[in-house]
Amino acid sequence: MSMRKGSKLASFHRVIVEAKLNLDAFEITLEKDTPESKGKGSPGDAGTGTIKVMYKPTDVSAHYRDGVVPPAHLRFEADLKLNLFKTH
């Protein structure tokens, strides 16, 4: 695991812990973009991949674009507060 991936994962873990939820209840994966997956004419820095977060008890998942503003973990935090993952 690269340092960059580790720090992203740590940001998601912090959000989960602050929400008083179980880290093991979430599955977080990072899928890197391949050069051919970006559309013709799309800027090379318009994201470096997708972060998928799944809440295992409900099988609810969401995808967050990595490498864009606002950071993916902040969008995830907003979704948790909106109960998108049906955690309660």
C-alpha atoms as a PDB file:
ATOM      1  CA  MET A   1       0.000   0.000   0.000  1.00  0.00           C
ATOM      2  CA  SER A   2       1.459   3.330  -0.969  1.00  0.00           C
ATOM      3  CA  MET A   3       1.648   6.198   1.506  1.00  0.00           C
ATOM      4  CA  ARG A   4      -0.854   8.150  -0.549  1.00  0.00           C
ATOM      5  CA  LYS A   5      -3.369   5.292  -0.546  1.00  0.00           C
ATOM      6  CA  GLY A   6      -2.744   4.778   3.167  1.00  0.00           C
ATOM      7  CA  SER A   7      -3.455   8.409   4.000  1.00  0.00           C
ATOM      8  CA  LYS A   8      -6.682   8.323   1.964  1.00  0.00           C
ATOM      9  CA  LEU A   9      -7.779   5.194   3.786  1.00  0.00           C
ATOM     10  CA  ALA A  10      -6.919   6.827   7.112  1.00  0.00           C
ATOM     11  CA  SER A  11      -9.146   9.802   6.220  1.00  0.00           C
ATOM     12  CA  PHE A  12     -12.096   7.483   5.574  1.00  0.00           C
ATOM     13  CA  HIS A  13     -11.372   5.545   8.776  1.00  0.00           C
ATOM     14  CA  ARG A  14     -11.322   8.790  10.777  1.00  0.00           C
ATOM     15  CA  VAL A  15     -14.759   9.724   9.415  1.00  0.00           C
ATOM     16  CA  ILE A  16     -16.152   6.275  10.320  1.00  0.00           C
ATOM     17  CA  VAL A  17     -14.718   6.370  13.861  1.00  0.00           C
ATOM     18  CA  GLU A  18     -15.992   9.938  14.429  1.00  0.00           C
ATOM     19  CA  ALA A  19     -19.456   8.718  13.371  1.00  0.00           C
ATOM     20  CA  LYS A  20     -19.125   6.013  16.071  1.00  0.00           C
ATOM     21  CA  LEU A  21     -19.438   3.226  13.511  1.00  0.00           C
ATOM     22  CA  ASN A  22     -17.497  -0.041  13.237  1.00  0.00           C
ATOM     23  CA  LEU A  23     -14.578   0.081  10.781  1.00  0.00           C
ATOM     24  CA  ASP A  24     -15.060  -3.610   9.968  1.00  0.00           C
ATOM     25  CA  ALA A  25     -18.587  -2.880   8.739  1.00  0.00           C
ATOM     26  CA  PHE A  26     -17.175  -0.937   5.785  1.00  0.00           C
ATOM     27  CA  GLU A  27     -15.287  -2.099   2.736  1.00  0.00           C
ATOM     28  CA  ILE A  28     -13.239   0.621   1.019  1.00  0.00           C
ATOM     29  CA  THR A  29     -11.508   0.025  -2.304  1.00  0.00           C
ATOM     30  CA  LEU A  30      -9.550   2.306  -4.609  1.00  0.00           C
ATOM     31  CA  GLU A  31      -9.791   1.675  -8.335  1.00  0.00           C
ATOM     32  CA  LYS A  32      -7.171   3.546 -10.342  1.00  0.00           C
ATOM     33  CA  ASP A  33      -8.007   5.007 -13.734  1.00  0.00           C
ATOM     34  CA  THR A  34      -6.352   3.458 -16.730  1.00  0.00           C
ATOM     35  CA  PRO A  35      -5.259   5.810 -19.524  1.00  0.00           C
ATOM     36  CA  GLU A  36      -7.924   4.446 -21.859  1.00  0.00           C
ATOM     37  CA  SER A  37     -10.706   4.912 -19.266  1.00  0.00           C
ATOM     38  CA  LYS A  38     -10.533   8.685 -19.482  1.00  0.00           C
ATOM     39  CA  GLY A  39     -12.602  10.240 -22.203  1.00  0.00           C
ATOM     40  CA  LYS A  40     -10.967  11.906 -25.155  1.00  0.00           C
ATOM     41  CA  GLY A  41     -10.158  15.483 -24.265  1.00  0.00           C
ATOM     42  CA  SER A  42     -10.623  14.992 -20.533  1.00  0.00           C
ATOM     43  CA  PRO A  43      -7.997  16.697 -18.419  1.00  0.00           C
ATOM     44  CA  GLY A  44      -5.385  14.321 -17.079  1.00  0.00           C
ATOM     45  CA  ASP A  45      -5.731  15.674 -13.557  1.00  0.00           C
ATOM     46  CA  ALA A  46      -9.527  15.439 -13.337  1.00  0.00           C
ATOM     47  CA  GLY A  47      -9.270  12.564 -10.898  1.00  0.00           C
ATOM     48  CA  THR A  48      -7.048   9.575 -10.496  1.00  0.00           C
ATOM     49  CA  GLY A  49      -9.618   6.908  -9.839  1.00  0.00           C
ATOM     50  CA  THR A  50     -12.711   5.942  -7.923  1.00  0.00           C
ATOM     51  CA  ILE A  51     -13.079   5.086  -4.265  1.00  0.00           C
ATOM     52  CA  LYS A  52     -15.870   2.624  -3.560  1.00  0.00           C
ATOM     53  CA  VAL A  53     -17.299   2.454  -0.044  1.00  0.00           C
ATOM     54  CA  MET A  54     -19.712  -0.314   0.916  1.00  0.00           C
ATOM     55  CA  TYR A  55     -21.519  -0.630   4.229  1.00  0.00           C
ATOM     56  CA  LYS A  56     -21.651  -4.412   4.598  1.00  0.00           C
ATOM     57  CA  PRO A  57     -24.716  -4.784   6.894  1.00  0.00           C
ATOM     58  CA  THR A  58     -26.989  -3.093   4.337  1.00  0.00           C
ATOM     59  CA  ASP A  59     -24.986  -3.729   1.134  1.00  0.00           C
ATOM     60  CA  VAL A  60     -25.331  -0.026   0.344  1.00  0.00           C
ATOM     61  CA  SER A  61     -22.384   1.380  -1.580  1.00  0.00           C
ATOM     62  CA  ALA A  62     -21.298   4.678  -3.045  1.00  0.00           C
ATOM     63  CA  HIS A  63     -18.542   5.710  -5.433  1.00  0.00           C
ATOM     64  CA  TYR A  64     -16.432   8.816  -4.944  1.00  0.00           C
ATOM     65  CA  ARG A  65     -14.180  10.402  -7.543  1.00  0.00           C
ATOM     66  CA  ASP A  66     -10.626  10.513  -6.198  1.00  0.00           C
ATOM     67  CA  GLY A  67      -8.320  13.446  -6.793  1.00  0.00           C
ATOM     68  CA  VAL A  68     -10.969  16.144  -7.132  1.00  0.00           C
ATOM     69  CA  VAL A  69     -12.254  18.923  -4.895  1.00  0.00           C
ATOM     70  CA  PRO A  70     -13.815  18.483  -2.391  1.00  0.00           C
ATOM     71  CA  PRO A  71     -11.846  15.428  -1.272  1.00  0.00           C
ATOM     72  CA  ALA A  72     -13.649  12.095  -1.419  1.00  0.00           C
ATOM     73  CA  HIS A  73     -13.644  11.583   2.356  1.00  0.00           C
ATOM     74  CA  LEU A  74     -15.566  14.851   2.857  1.00  0.00           C
ATOM     75  CA  ARG A  75     -18.256  13.767   0.394  1.00  0.00           C
ATOM     76  CA  PHE A  76     -18.372  10.403   2.205  1.00  0.00           C
ATOM     77  CA  GLU A  77     -18.777  12.193   5.547  1.00  0.00           C
ATOM     78  CA  ALA A  78     -21.715  14.188   4.161  1.00  0.00           C
ATOM     79  CA  ASP A  79     -23.331  10.975   2.879  1.00  0.00           C
ATOM     80  CA  LEU A  80     -22.946   9.345   6.314  1.00  0.00           C
ATOM     81  CA  LYS A  81     -24.658  12.334   7.933  1.00  0.00           C
ATOM     82  CA  LEU A  82     -27.497  12.018   5.387  1.00  0.00           C
ATOM     83  CA  ASN A  83     -27.756   8.304   6.320  1.00  0.00           C
ATOM     84  CA  LEU A  84     -27.155   7.235   2.733  1.00  0.00           C
ATOM     85  CA  PHE A  85     -25.677   3.958   3.986  1.00  0.00           C
ATOM     86  CA  LYS A  86     -28.668   3.241   6.284  1.00  0.00           C
ATOM     87  CA  THR A  87     -26.459   2.891   9.367  1.00  0.00           C
ATOM     88  CA  HIS A  88     -29.318   3.683  11.784  1.00  0.00           C
END
